[in-house]
C-alpha atoms as a PDB file:
ATOM      1  CA  UNK A   1       0.005  -0.019   0.035  1.00  0.00           C
ATOM      2  CA  UNK A   2       1.182   3.557  -0.660  1.00  0.00           C
ATOM      3  CA  UNK A   3       2.239   5.525   2.391  1.00  0.00           C
ATOM      4  CA  UNK A   4       1.477   9.140   3.281  1.00  0.00           C
ATOM      5  CA  UNK A   5       3.727  11.041   5.613  1.00  0.00           C
ATOM      6  CA  UNK A   6       6.044  14.071   5.586  1.00  0.00           C
ATOM      7  CA  UNK A   7       8.888  11.994   4.129  1.00  0.00           C
ATOM      8  CA  UNK A   8       6.715  11.423   1.100  1.00  0.00           C
ATOM      9  CA  UNK A   9       6.454  15.037   0.021  1.00  0.00           C
ATOM     10  CA  UNK A  10       7.589  14.160  -3.491  1.00  0.00           C
ATOM     11  CA  UNK A  11      11.198  15.111  -2.710  1.00  0.00           C
ATOM     12  CA  UNK A  12      12.869  16.556   0.312  1.00  0.00           C
ATOM     13  CA  UNK A  13      12.627  20.296   0.792  1.00  0.00           C
ATOM     14  CA  UNK A  14      16.236  20.849   0.053  1.00  0.00           C
ATOM     15  CA  UNK A  15      16.187  18.722  -3.070  1.00  0.00           C
ATOM     16  CA  UNK A  16      12.835  20.304  -4.172  1.00  0.00           C
ATOM     17  CA  UNK A  17      14.195  23.767  -3.773  1.00  0.00           C
ATOM     18  CA  UNK A  18      17.314  22.984  -5.761  1.00  0.00           C
ATOM     19  CA  UNK A  19      15.250  21.391  -8.526  1.00  0.00           C
ATOM     20  CA  UNK A  20      13.000  24.408  -8.793  1.00  0.00           C
ATOM     21  CA  UNK A  21      15.926  26.764  -8.993  1.00  0.00           C
ATOM     22  CA  UNK A  22      17.592  24.622 -11.786  1.00  0.00           C
ATOM     23  CA  UNK A  23      14.339  24.555 -13.832  1.00  0.00           C
ATOM     24  CA  UNK A  24      13.693  28.261 -13.454  1.00  0.00           C
ATOM     25  CA  UNK A  25      17.349  29.167 -14.386  1.00  0.00           C
ATOM     26  CA  UNK A  26      17.115  26.869 -17.362  1.00  0.00           C
ATOM     27  CA  UNK A  27      13.846  28.475 -18.423  1.00  0.00           C
ATOM     28  CA  UNK A  28      15.260  32.010 -18.029  1.00  0.00           C
ATOM     29  CA  UNK A  29      17.746  31.353 -20.746  1.00  0.00           C
ATOM     30  CA  UNK A  30      15.302  29.468 -22.976  1.00  0.00           C
ATOM     31  CA  UNK A  31      16.330  26.172 -21.468  1.00  0.00           C
ATOM     32  CA  UNK A  32      19.729  27.060 -22.712  1.00  0.00           C
ATOM     33  CA  UNK A  33      22.213  24.290 -23.177  1.00  0.00           C
ATOM     34  CA  UNK A  34      25.933  25.368 -23.512  1.00  0.00           C
ATOM     35  CA  UNK A  35      27.799  24.275 -26.601  1.00  0.00           C
ATOM     36  CA  UNK A  36      31.212  25.269 -27.831  1.00  0.00           C
ATOM     37  CA  UNK A  37      32.469  26.822 -30.973  1.00  0.00           C
ATOM     38  CA  UNK A  38      35.132  25.104 -33.100  1.00  0.00           C
ATOM     39  CA  UNK A  39      38.767  25.600 -31.869  1.00  0.00           C
ATOM     40  CA  UNK A  40      40.277  28.933 -32.763  1.00  0.00           C
ATOM     41  CA  UNK A  41      43.837  29.170 -34.133  1.00  0.00           C
ATOM     42  CA  UNK A  42      45.875  32.103 -32.814  1.00  0.00           C
ATOM     43  CA  UNK A  43      49.484  33.118 -33.294  1.00  0.00           C
ATOM     44  CA  UNK A  44      51.539  33.972 -30.188  1.00  0.00           C
ATOM     45  CA  UNK A  45      55.065  35.450 -29.861  1.00  0.00           C
ATOM     46  CA  UNK A  46      56.974  33.898 -26.975  1.00  0.00           C
ATOM     47  CA  UNK A  47      60.191  35.304 -25.559  1.00  0.00           C
ATOM     48  CA  UNK A  48      62.424  32.840 -23.777  1.00  0.00           C
ATOM     49  CA  UNK A  49      65.833  32.949 -21.868  1.00  0.00           C
ATOM     50  CA  UNK A  50      68.188  30.175 -22.770  1.00  0.00           C
ATOM     51  CA  UNK A  51      71.736  29.390 -21.844  1.00  0.00           C
ATOM     52  CA  UNK A  52      74.082  28.433 -24.665  1.00  0.00           C
ATOM     53  CA  UNK A  53      77.406  26.797 -23.852  1.00  0.00           C
ATOM     54  CA  UNK A  54      80.224  27.127 -26.349  1.00  0.00           C
ATOM     55  CA  UNK A  55      83.604  25.868 -24.960  1.00  0.00           C
ATOM     56  CA  UNK A  56      85.565  27.283 -23.467  1.00  0.00           C
ATOM     57  CA  UNK A  57      83.009  30.084 -22.414  1.00  0.00           C
ATOM     58  CA  UNK A  58      79.469  30.148 -21.341  1.00  0.00           C
ATOM     59  CA  UNK A  59      77.266  32.827 -22.814  1.00  0.00           C
ATOM     60  CA  UNK A  60      73.628  33.725 -21.788  1.00  0.00           C
ATOM     61  CA  UNK A  61      71.515  34.974 -24.628  1.00  0.00           C
ATOM     62  CA  UNK A  62      67.832  36.060 -25.186  1.00  0.00           C
ATOM     63  CA  UNK A  63      66.166  34.147 -28.015  1.00  0.00           C
ATOM     64  CA  UNK A  64      62.753  35.237 -29.498  1.00  0.00           C
ATOM     65  CA  UNK A  65      60.661  32.665 -31.199  1.00  0.00           C
ATOM     66  CA  UNK A  66      57.303  32.776 -32.978  1.00  0.00           C
ATOM     67  CA  UNK A  67      54.968  29.709 -32.489  1.00  0.00           C
ATOM     68  CA  UNK A  68      51.536  28.999 -33.860  1.00  0.00           C
ATOM     69  CA  UNK A  69      49.313  27.328 -31.293  1.00  0.00           C
ATOM     70  CA  UNK A  70      45.819  26.042 -31.449  1.00  0.00           C
ATOM     71  CA  UNK A  71      43.838  27.308 -28.466  1.00  0.00           C
ATOM     72  CA  UNK A  72      40.280  26.023 -27.732  1.00  0.00           C
ATOM     73  CA  UNK A  73      37.993  28.698 -26.347  1.00  0.00           C
ATOM     74  CA  UNK A  74      34.764  27.557 -24.890  1.00  0.00           C
ATOM     75  CA  UNK A  75      32.174  30.120 -25.998  1.00  0.00           C
ATOM     76  CA  UNK A  76      28.619  29.638 -24.632  1.00  0.00           C
ATOM     77  CA  UNK A  77      25.957  29.453 -27.331  1.00  0.00           C
ATOM     78  CA  UNK A  78      22.367  29.499 -26.095  1.00  0.00           C
ATOM     79  CA  UNK A  79      19.973  27.203 -27.933  1.00  0.00           C
ATOM     80  CA  UNK A  80      16.359  26.323 -27.290  1.00  0.00           C
ATOM     81  CA  UNK A  81      16.104  23.124 -25.472  1.00  0.00           C
ATOM     82  CA  UNK A  82      14.227  21.245 -22.703  1.00  0.00           C
ATOM     83  CA  UNK A  83      14.327  17.914 -20.934  1.00  0.00           C
ATOM     84  CA  UNK A  84      12.688  14.510 -21.951  1.00  0.00           C
ATOM     85  CA  UNK A  85      12.720  10.827 -21.131  1.00  0.00           C
ATOM     86  CA  UNK A  86      14.079   7.962 -23.072  1.00  0.00           C
ATOM     87  CA  UNK A  87      14.060   4.392 -21.500  1.00  0.00           C
ATOM     88  CA  UNK A  88      14.279   5.786 -18.008  1.00  0.00           C
ATOM     89  CA  UNK A  89      17.121   8.345 -18.762  1.00  0.00           C
ATOM     90  CA  UNK A  90      16.797  12.096 -18.793  1.00  0.00           C
ATOM     91  CA  UNK A  91      17.778  13.403 -22.204  1.00  0.00           C
ATOM     92  CA  UNK A  92      17.708  16.710 -24.185  1.00  0.00           C
ATOM     93  CA  UNK A  93      15.261  18.132 -26.731  1.00  0.00           C
ATOM     94  CA  UNK A  94      16.966  20.768 -29.014  1.00  0.00           C
ATOM     95  CA  UNK A  95      14.171  22.709 -30.754  1.00  0.00           C
ATOM     96  CA  UNK A  96      14.950  23.836 -34.318  1.00  0.00           C
ATOM     97  CA  UNK A  97      11.736  25.442 -35.582  1.00  0.00           C
ATOM     98  CA  UNK A  98       8.376  26.848 -34.563  1.00  0.00           C
ATOM     99  CA  UNK A  99       5.636  24.237 -34.091  1.00  0.00           C
ATOM    100  CA  UNK A 100       3.168  23.486 -36.936  1.00  0.00           C
ATOM    101  CA  UNK A 101      -0.448  22.161 -36.879  1.00  0.00           C
ATOM    102  CA  UNK A 102      -1.375  20.633 -40.207  1.00  0.00           C
ATOM    103  CA  UNK A 103      -5.066  20.512 -41.270  1.00  0.00           C
ATOM    104  CA  UNK A 104      -7.149  17.798 -39.871  1.00  0.00           C
ATOM    105  CA  UNK A 105      -9.287  15.322 -41.828  1.00  0.00           C
ATOM    106  CA  UNK A 106     -12.470  17.289 -41.318  1.00  0.00           C
ATOM    107  CA  UNK A 107     -13.644  20.429 -39.627  1.00  0.00           C
ATOM    108  CA  UNK A 108     -13.089  19.956 -35.970  1.00  0.00           C
ATOM    109  CA  UNK A 109     -13.610  23.454 -34.707  1.00  0.00           C
ATOM    110  CA  UNK A 110     -16.784  25.058 -33.600  1.00  0.00           C
ATOM    111  CA  UNK A 111     -16.027  28.039 -35.734  1.00  0.00           C
ATOM    112  CA  UNK A 112     -13.216  29.810 -37.701  1.00  0.00           C
ATOM    113  CA  UNK A 113     -12.484  32.249 -34.842  1.00  0.00           C
ATOM    114  CA  UNK A 114     -11.450  29.367 -32.704  1.00  0.00           C
ATOM    115  CA  UNK A 115      -9.268  27.792 -35.293  1.00  0.00           C
ATOM    116  CA  UNK A 116      -7.563  31.125 -35.884  1.00  0.00           C
ATOM    117  CA  UNK A 117      -7.117  31.707 -32.129  1.00  0.00           C
ATOM    118  CA  UNK A 118      -5.173  28.466 -31.626  1.00  0.00           C
ATOM    119  CA  UNK A 119      -3.369  28.658 -34.970  1.00  0.00           C
ATOM    120  CA  UNK A 120      -5.011  25.393 -36.044  1.00  0.00           C
ATOM    121  CA  UNK A 121      -3.787  23.342 -33.040  1.00  0.00           C
ATOM    122  CA  UNK A 122      -6.191  20.795 -31.583  1.00  0.00           C
ATOM    123  CA  UNK A 123      -6.334  17.705 -29.434  1.00  0.00           C
ATOM    124  CA  UNK A 124      -8.729  14.883 -29.998  1.00  0.00           C
ATOM    125  CA  UNK A 125      -8.925  14.206 -33.775  1.00  0.00           C
ATOM    126  CA  UNK A 126      -6.293  11.979 -35.438  1.00  0.00           C
ATOM    127  CA  UNK A 127      -3.755  13.748 -37.615  1.00  0.00           C
ATOM    128  CA  UNK A 128      -4.387  13.719 -41.400  1.00  0.00           C
ATOM    129  CA  UNK A 129      -1.674  11.292 -42.492  1.00  0.00           C
ATOM    130  CA  UNK A 130      -1.456  12.884 -45.868  1.00  0.00           C
ATOM    131  CA  UNK A 131      -0.608  16.175 -44.167  1.00  0.00           C
ATOM    132  CA  UNK A 132       2.129  14.734 -41.901  1.00  0.00           C
ATOM    133  CA  UNK A 133       5.669  15.710 -42.632  1.00  0.00           C
ATOM    134  CA  UNK A 134       7.943  12.976 -43.995  1.00  0.00           C
ATOM    135  CA  UNK A 135       9.874  11.034 -41.342  1.00  0.00           C
ATOM    136  CA  UNK A 136       7.618  12.268 -38.463  1.00  0.00           C
ATOM    137  CA  UNK A 137       7.905  10.262 -35.317  1.00  0.00           C
ATOM    138  CA  UNK A 138       5.600  10.310 -32.104  1.00  0.00           C
ATOM    139  CA  UNK A 139       6.496  12.308 -28.966  1.00  0.00           C
ATOM    140  CA  UNK A 140       4.362  11.501 -25.947  1.00  0.00           C
ATOM    141  CA  UNK A 141       3.383  14.721 -24.029  1.00  0.00           C
ATOM    142  CA  UNK A 142       2.541  13.596 -20.486  1.00  0.00           C
ATOM    143  CA  UNK A 143       0.272  15.948 -18.620  1.00  0.00           C
ATOM    144  CA  UNK A 144      -0.200  15.617 -14.771  1.00  0.00           C
ATOM    145  CA  UNK A 145      -3.997  15.717 -15.119  1.00  0.00           C
ATOM    146  CA  UNK A 146      -4.394  14.549 -11.451  1.00  0.00           C
ATOM    147  CA  UNK A 147      -3.392  18.130 -10.467  1.00  0.00           C
ATOM    148  CA  UNK A 148      -6.688  19.420 -11.925  1.00  0.00           C
ATOM    149  CA  UNK A 149      -7.065  22.798 -13.484  1.00  0.00           C
ATOM    150  CA  UNK A 150      -3.692  24.020 -12.110  1.00  0.00           C
ATOM    151  CA  UNK A 151      -2.032  22.296 -15.115  1.00  0.00           C
ATOM    152  CA  UNK A 152      -3.048  25.224 -17.312  1.00  0.00           C
ATOM    153  CA  UNK A 153      -0.767  27.668 -15.414  1.00  0.00           C
ATOM    154  CA  UNK A 154      -2.865  30.582 -14.031  1.00  0.00           C
ATOM    155  CA  UNK A 155      -2.412  31.109 -10.267  1.00  0.00           C
ATOM    156  CA  UNK A 156      -6.179  31.676 -10.086  1.00  0.00           C
ATOM    157  CA  UNK A 157      -6.442  27.971 -10.928  1.00  0.00           C
ATOM    158  CA  UNK A 158      -3.977  26.902  -8.254  1.00  0.00           C
ATOM    159  CA  UNK A 159      -0.679  26.872 -10.198  1.00  0.00           C
ATOM    160  CA  UNK A 160       2.554  28.355  -8.763  1.00  0.00           C
ATOM    161  CA  UNK A 161       3.822  31.692 -10.098  1.00  0.00           C
ATOM    162  CA  UNK A 162       6.486  29.788 -12.005  1.00  0.00           C
ATOM    163  CA  UNK A 163       3.839  27.794 -13.967  1.00  0.00           C
ATOM    164  CA  UNK A 164       4.007  24.466 -12.154  1.00  0.00           C
ATOM    165  CA  UNK A 165       0.793  22.628 -11.206  1.00  0.00           C
ATOM    166  CA  UNK A 166      -0.146  21.939  -7.580  1.00  0.00           C
ATOM    167  CA  UNK A 167      -1.736  18.612  -6.398  1.00  0.00           C
ATOM    168  CA  UNK A 168      -3.780  18.625  -3.180  1.00  0.00           C
ATOM    169  CA  UNK A 169      -3.988  15.306  -1.404  1.00  0.00           C
ATOM    170  CA  UNK A 170      -4.677  14.288   2.249  1.00  0.00           C
ATOM    171  CA  UNK A 171      -3.924  17.790   3.644  1.00  0.00           C
ATOM    172  CA  UNK A 172      -0.731  18.354   1.700  1.00  0.00           C
ATOM    173  CA  UNK A 173       0.028  20.534  -1.354  1.00  0.00           C
ATOM    174  CA  UNK A 174       2.537  19.038  -3.775  1.00  0.00           C
ATOM    175  CA  UNK A 175       4.084  21.250  -6.396  1.00  0.00           C
ATOM    176  CA  UNK A 176       4.507  19.059  -9.484  1.00  0.00           C
ATOM    177  CA  UNK A 177       7.728  19.932 -11.310  1.00  0.00           C
ATOM    178  CA  UNK A 178       7.506  19.422 -15.048  1.00  0.00           C
ATOM    179  CA  UNK A 179       9.988  19.682 -17.961  1.00  0.00           C
ATOM    180  CA  UNK A 180       7.733  22.376 -19.419  1.00  0.00           C
ATOM    181  CA  UNK A 181       5.660  24.668 -17.361  1.00  0.00           C
ATOM    182  CA  UNK A 182       2.222  25.783 -18.644  1.00  0.00           C
ATOM    183  CA  UNK A 183       2.173  28.189 -21.696  1.00  0.00           C
ATOM    184  CA  UNK A 184       2.986  31.846 -21.075  1.00  0.00           C
ATOM    185  CA  UNK A 185       4.629  31.244 -17.697  1.00  0.00           C
ATOM    186  CA  UNK A 186       8.331  31.579 -16.724  1.00  0.00           C
ATOM    187  CA  UNK A 187       8.948  27.888 -17.212  1.00  0.00           C
ATOM    188  CA  UNK A 188       7.157  27.417 -20.576  1.00  0.00           C
ATOM    189  CA  UNK A 189       9.224  25.549 -23.202  1.00  0.00           C
ATOM    190  CA  UNK A 190      10.308  27.297 -26.472  1.00  0.00           C
ATOM    191  CA  UNK A 191       8.673  26.651 -29.822  1.00  0.00           C
ATOM    192  CA  UNK A 192       5.455  25.282 -28.320  1.00  0.00           C
ATOM    193  CA  UNK A 193       1.938  26.392 -29.140  1.00  0.00           C
ATOM    194  CA  UNK A 194       0.520  28.849 -26.536  1.00  0.00           C
ATOM    195  CA  UNK A 195      -3.104  27.913 -26.980  1.00  0.00           C
ATOM    196  CA  UNK A 196      -4.829  24.629 -28.023  1.00  0.00           C
ATOM    197  CA  UNK A 197      -8.398  23.603 -28.660  1.00  0.00           C
ATOM    198  CA  UNK A 198     -10.056  20.452 -27.536  1.00  0.00           C
ATOM    199  CA  UNK A 199     -13.697  19.249 -27.198  1.00  0.00           C
ATOM    200  CA  UNK A 200     -12.520  17.780 -23.920  1.00  0.00           C
ATOM    201  CA  UNK A 201     -11.825  21.218 -22.691  1.00  0.00           C
ATOM    202  CA  UNK A 202     -15.332  22.144 -23.488  1.00  0.00           C
ATOM    203  CA  UNK A 203     -16.625  19.159 -21.697  1.00  0.00           C
ATOM    204  CA  UNK A 204     -14.695  20.209 -18.483  1.00  0.00           C
ATOM    205  CA  UNK A 205     -15.951  23.836 -18.817  1.00  0.00           C
ATOM    206  CA  UNK A 206     -19.551  22.702 -19.229  1.00  0.00           C
ATOM    207  CA  UNK A 207     -19.259  20.483 -16.187  1.00  0.00           C
ATOM    208  CA  UNK A 208     -18.049  23.495 -14.223  1.00  0.00           C
ATOM    209  CA  UNK A 209     -20.978  25.543 -15.576  1.00  0.00           C
ATOM    210  CA  UNK A 210     -18.831  27.640 -17.835  1.00  0.00           C
ATOM    211  CA  UNK A 211     -20.630  28.333 -21.137  1.00  0.00           C
ATOM    212  CA  UNK A 212     -18.441  30.957 -22.913  1.00  0.00           C
ATOM    213  CA  UNK A 213     -14.854  29.891 -22.179  1.00  0.00           C
ATOM    214  CA  UNK A 214     -12.483  31.337 -19.630  1.00  0.00           C
ATOM    215  CA  UNK A 215      -9.934  34.178 -19.383  1.00  0.00           C
ATOM    216  CA  UNK A 216     -11.495  35.822 -22.464  1.00  0.00           C
ATOM    217  CA  UNK A 217     -10.807  32.754 -24.544  1.00  0.00           C
ATOM    218  CA  UNK A 218     -13.400  30.906 -26.717  1.00  0.00           C
ATOM    219  CA  UNK A 219     -15.082  27.872 -25.450  1.00  0.00           C
ATOM    220  CA  UNK A 220     -12.787  24.849 -25.501  1.00  0.00           C
ATOM    221  CA  UNK A 221      -9.571  26.982 -25.816  1.00  0.00           C
ATOM    222  CA  UNK A 222      -7.017  26.851 -23.015  1.00  0.00           C
ATOM    223  CA  UNK A 223      -3.224  27.361 -22.534  1.00  0.00           C
ATOM    224  CA  UNK A 224      -0.951  24.408 -23.321  1.00  0.00           C
ATOM    225  CA  UNK A 225      -0.775  22.717 -19.967  1.00  0.00           C
ATOM    226  CA  UNK A 226       2.407  21.854 -18.042  1.00  0.00           C
ATOM    227  CA  UNK A 227       3.888  18.500 -19.248  1.00  0.00           C
ATOM    228  CA  UNK A 228       6.895  16.174 -19.783  1.00  0.00           C
ATOM    229  CA  UNK A 229       8.021  14.304 -22.828  1.00  0.00           C
ATOM    230  CA  UNK A 230       8.647  10.645 -23.683  1.00  0.00           C
ATOM    231  CA  UNK A 231      10.277   9.499 -26.895  1.00  0.00           C
ATOM    232  CA  UNK A 232      11.203   6.037 -28.223  1.00  0.00           C
ATOM    233  CA  UNK A 233      14.643   6.803 -29.763  1.00  0.00           C
ATOM    234  CA  UNK A 234      17.444   9.368 -29.724  1.00  0.00           C
ATOM    235  CA  UNK A 235      18.804  11.275 -32.730  1.00  0.00           C
ATOM    236  CA  UNK A 236      21.239  14.133 -33.324  1.00  0.00           C
ATOM    237  CA  UNK A 237      19.305  15.179 -36.420  1.00  0.00           C
ATOM    238  CA  UNK A 238      16.300  17.431 -36.096  1.00  0.00           C
ATOM    239  CA  UNK A 239      13.101  15.769 -37.421  1.00  0.00           C
ATOM    240  CA  UNK A 240       9.359  16.498 -37.042  1.00  0.00           C
ATOM    241  CA  UNK A 241       7.569  14.846 -34.078  1.00  0.00           C
ATOM    242  CA  UNK A 242       3.828  14.520 -33.877  1.00  0.00           C
ATOM    243  CA  UNK A 243       2.297  14.926 -30.434  1.00  0.00           C
ATOM    244  CA  UNK A 244       0.263  12.293 -28.616  1.00  0.00           C
ATOM    245  CA  UNK A 245      -1.170  13.820 -25.407  1.00  0.00           C
ATOM    246  CA  UNK A 246      -1.206  11.532 -22.371  1.00  0.00           C
ATOM    247  CA  UNK A 247      -3.263  12.456 -19.430  1.00  0.00           C
ATOM    248  CA  UNK A 248      -1.787  10.940 -16.252  1.00  0.00           C
ATOM    249  CA  UNK A 249      -4.238  10.401 -13.414  1.00  0.00           C
ATOM    250  CA  UNK A 250      -2.004   8.627 -11.086  1.00  0.00           C
ATOM    251  CA  UNK A 251       0.487  10.843  -9.107  1.00  0.00           C
ATOM    252  CA  UNK A 252       2.614   7.844  -8.055  1.00  0.00           C
ATOM    253  CA  UNK A 253       3.909   7.396 -11.685  1.00  0.00           C
ATOM    254  CA  UNK A 254       4.568  11.021 -12.642  1.00  0.00           C
ATOM    255  CA  UNK A 255       8.356  11.479 -12.830  1.00  0.00           C
ATOM    256  CA  UNK A 256      10.457  14.299 -11.428  1.00  0.00           C
ATOM    257  CA  UNK A 257      12.024  16.078 -14.432  1.00  0.00           C
ATOM    258  CA  UNK A 258      15.409  16.379 -12.911  1.00  0.00           C
ATOM    259  CA  UNK A 259      15.931  12.866 -11.689  1.00  0.00           C
ATOM    260  CA  UNK A 260      13.389  10.838 -13.758  1.00  0.00           C
ATOM    261  CA  UNK A 261      12.248   9.075 -10.498  1.00  0.00           C
ATOM    262  CA  UNK A 262       8.698   8.826  -9.135  1.00  0.00           C
ATOM    263  CA  UNK A 263       7.400   9.173  -5.557  1.00  0.00           C
ATOM    264  CA  UNK A 264       4.913   7.044  -3.657  1.00  0.00           C
ATOM    265  CA  UNK A 265       2.389   9.774  -2.718  1.00  0.00           C
ATOM    266  CA  UNK A 266      -1.133   8.308  -2.940  1.00  0.00           C
ATOM    267  CA  UNK A 267      -2.360   5.025  -1.326  1.00  0.00           C
ATOM    268  CA  UNK A 268      -2.444   2.239  -3.922  1.00  0.00           C
ATOM    269  CA  UNK A 269      -3.374  -1.416  -4.287  1.00  0.00           C
ATOM    270  CA  UNK A 270      -0.151  -1.970  -6.162  1.00  0.00           C
ATOM    271  CA  UNK A 271       2.782  -3.796  -4.576  1.00  0.00           C
ATOM    272  CA  UNK A 272       5.093  -1.362  -6.416  1.00  0.00           C
ATOM    273  CA  UNK A 273       3.182   1.946  -6.649  1.00  0.00           C
ATOM    274  CA  UNK A 274       5.940   3.661  -8.657  1.00  0.00           C
ATOM    275  CA  UNK A 275       6.683   0.704 -10.862  1.00  0.00           C
ATOM    276  CA  UNK A 276       5.157   2.245 -13.898  1.00  0.00           C
ATOM    277  CA  UNK A 277       7.033   5.503 -13.554  1.00  0.00           C
ATOM    278  CA  UNK A 278       6.309   7.405 -16.815  1.00  0.00           C
ATOM    279  CA  UNK A 279      10.000   7.876 -17.826  1.00  0.00           C
ATOM    280  CA  UNK A 280       9.778   5.302 -20.707  1.00  0.00           C
ATOM    281  CA  UNK A 281       7.467   4.192 -23.517  1.00  0.00           C
ATOM    282  CA  UNK A 282       7.263   0.689 -22.087  1.00  0.00           C
ATOM    283  CA  UNK A 283       5.824   1.984 -18.784  1.00  0.00           C
ATOM    284  CA  UNK A 284       3.496   4.335 -20.699  1.00  0.00           C
ATOM    285  CA  UNK A 285       2.034   1.516 -22.688  1.00  0.00           C
ATOM    286  CA  UNK A 286       1.457  -0.486 -19.465  1.00  0.00           C
ATOM    287  CA  UNK A 287      -0.092   2.460 -17.751  1.00  0.00           C
ATOM    288  CA  UNK A 288      -2.733   2.823 -20.456  1.00  0.00           C
ATOM    289  CA  UNK A 289      -4.291  -0.382 -19.380  1.00  0.00           C
ATOM    290  CA  UNK A 290      -3.392  -0.513 -15.731  1.00  0.00           C
ATOM    291  CA  UNK A 291      -6.135   0.004 -13.126  1.00  0.00           C
ATOM    292  CA  UNK A 292      -4.850   1.351  -9.783  1.00  0.00           C
ATOM    293  CA  UNK A 293      -6.910   2.452  -6.780  1.00  0.00           C
ATOM    294  CA  UNK A 294      -4.533   5.382  -6.562  1.00  0.00           C
ATOM    295  CA  UNK A 295      -6.488   7.016  -9.451  1.00  0.00           C
ATOM    296  CA  UNK A 296      -9.712   7.208  -7.582  1.00  0.00           C
ATOM    297  CA  UNK A 297      -7.985   8.273  -4.363  1.00  0.00           C
ATOM    298  CA  UNK A 298      -6.129  11.066  -6.092  1.00  0.00           C
ATOM    299  CA  UNK A 299      -8.950  12.383  -8.268  1.00  0.00           C
ATOM    300  CA  UNK A 300     -12.170  12.311  -6.221  1.00  0.00           C
ATOM    301  CA  UNK A 301     -12.461  16.104  -6.365  1.00  0.00           C
ATOM    302  CA  UNK A 302     -10.722  16.575  -9.885  1.00  0.00           C
ATOM    303  CA  UNK A 303     -13.081  18.202 -12.326  1.00  0.00           C
ATOM    304  CA  UNK A 304     -11.006  16.990 -15.295  1.00  0.00           C
ATOM    305  CA  UNK A 305     -11.308  13.433 -14.200  1.00  0.00           C
ATOM    306  CA  UNK A 306     -14.963  13.632 -13.315  1.00  0.00           C
ATOM    307  CA  UNK A 307     -15.934  15.474 -16.485  1.00  0.00           C
ATOM    308  CA  UNK A 308     -14.071  12.972 -18.632  1.00  0.00           C
ATOM    309  CA  UNK A 309     -16.092  10.018 -17.110  1.00  0.00           C
ATOM    310  CA  UNK A 310     -13.856   9.090 -14.207  1.00  0.00           C
ATOM    311  CA  UNK A 311     -11.485   6.745 -16.194  1.00  0.00           C
ATOM    312  CA  UNK A 312     -10.172   3.984 -14.042  1.00  0.00           C
ATOM    313  CA  UNK A 313      -6.834   3.451 -15.890  1.00  0.00           C
ATOM    314  CA  UNK A 314      -3.646   5.187 -14.814  1.00  0.00           C
ATOM    315  CA  UNK A 315      -3.415   7.186 -18.073  1.00  0.00           C
ATOM    316  CA  UNK A 316      -5.228   7.799 -21.334  1.00  0.00           C
ATOM    317  CA  UNK A 317      -3.657   8.800 -24.679  1.00  0.00           C
ATOM    318  CA  UNK A 318      -5.256  11.323 -26.999  1.00  0.00           C
ATOM    319  CA  UNK A 319      -4.114  12.075 -30.588  1.00  0.00           C
ATOM    320  CA  UNK A 320      -3.535  15.612 -31.886  1.00  0.00           C
ATOM    321  CA  UNK A 321      -2.520  17.445 -35.063  1.00  0.00           C
ATOM    322  CA  UNK A 322       0.403  19.245 -33.372  1.00  0.00           C
ATOM    323  CA  UNK A 323       4.038  18.931 -34.512  1.00  0.00           C
ATOM    324  CA  UNK A 324       7.245  19.891 -32.925  1.00  0.00           C
ATOM    325  CA  UNK A 325      10.648  20.013 -34.530  1.00  0.00           C
ATOM    326  CA  UNK A 326      13.724  18.995 -32.550  1.00  0.00           C
ATOM    327  CA  UNK A 327      16.708  16.658 -32.171  1.00  0.00           C
ATOM    328  CA  UNK A 328      16.943  14.623 -28.894  1.00  0.00           C
ATOM    329  CA  UNK A 329      20.528  13.768 -28.172  1.00  0.00           C
ATOM    330  CA  UNK A 330      21.102  11.408 -25.320  1.00  0.00           C
ATOM    331  CA  UNK A 331      22.707  13.964 -22.982  1.00  0.00           C
ATOM    332  CA  UNK A 332      21.567  15.469 -19.654  1.00  0.00           C
ATOM    333  CA  UNK A 333      19.931  18.790 -20.197  1.00  0.00           C
ATOM    334  CA  UNK A 334      20.314  20.567 -16.848  1.00  0.00           C
ATOM    335  CA  UNK A 335      23.146  22.352 -15.087  1.00  0.00           C
ATOM    336  CA  UNK A 336      25.202  19.924 -12.879  1.00  0.00           C
END
């Protein structure tokens, strides 16, 4: 059974504070990763003192020599990047272009105003395969849906000022660190869409009695929520990646972005509550068909979970027409 005590507050206060600082510093430079320019060749004049011995006398003379030396200068170059997970490891996304949202198979939007507002980006209808870029691969965007409306970023909905969701359980508040904070917050990732449309958002809004959207946005339009990434392979070449949104309703399997590890937060009927930690595609596949009592325990007051029919599985996957462009080298993305 899952345990609940102060030791289980996701990570210790010291580690938690350090992780928050790392993520905020990284976001402040566009999740900058430091690279180096090629070595620079410079010419240096070196003056040396040498002793020349010529029998039968010893003479000290000054010899000036010119040498060409190759000197490597490490020059920091900021690039757009973020973290991700591959087979349990924390790796790097290096973004190379703005997102795109190809046309869907049929009209999916309630009106053209909504489509224009979100620049064509939607969640819920499969991508038109004929519109997909060549060599596109899936990237699984994992949203901590168990944290309720705070995933969308506004502090009025319970998020932190940095853009991280907050999960309330058993008298404790857990700040959920993510590789990408919600859109338009200090920890939002580069080259991501700011707004997206989904009929699921409309369903949640209607459950809450909202008929005309929120924050001045059309019905069904909300900021891109805080999330993390899972990929199935690594490449140093930038390619297009189509987004599959994954809603995680089990807090025990949501990984820390810095360590890639999960914490046993909510009571569970599993003998290994964190065993399906969502830091790999294999675990994600298993979570989509796993029924854990932690889901009901964590979401009893969650309007997202309730409005979507109280799914009993750990996570559900939803297609989209959203595409990101990046390479994902197998290197650690954060300052160490």
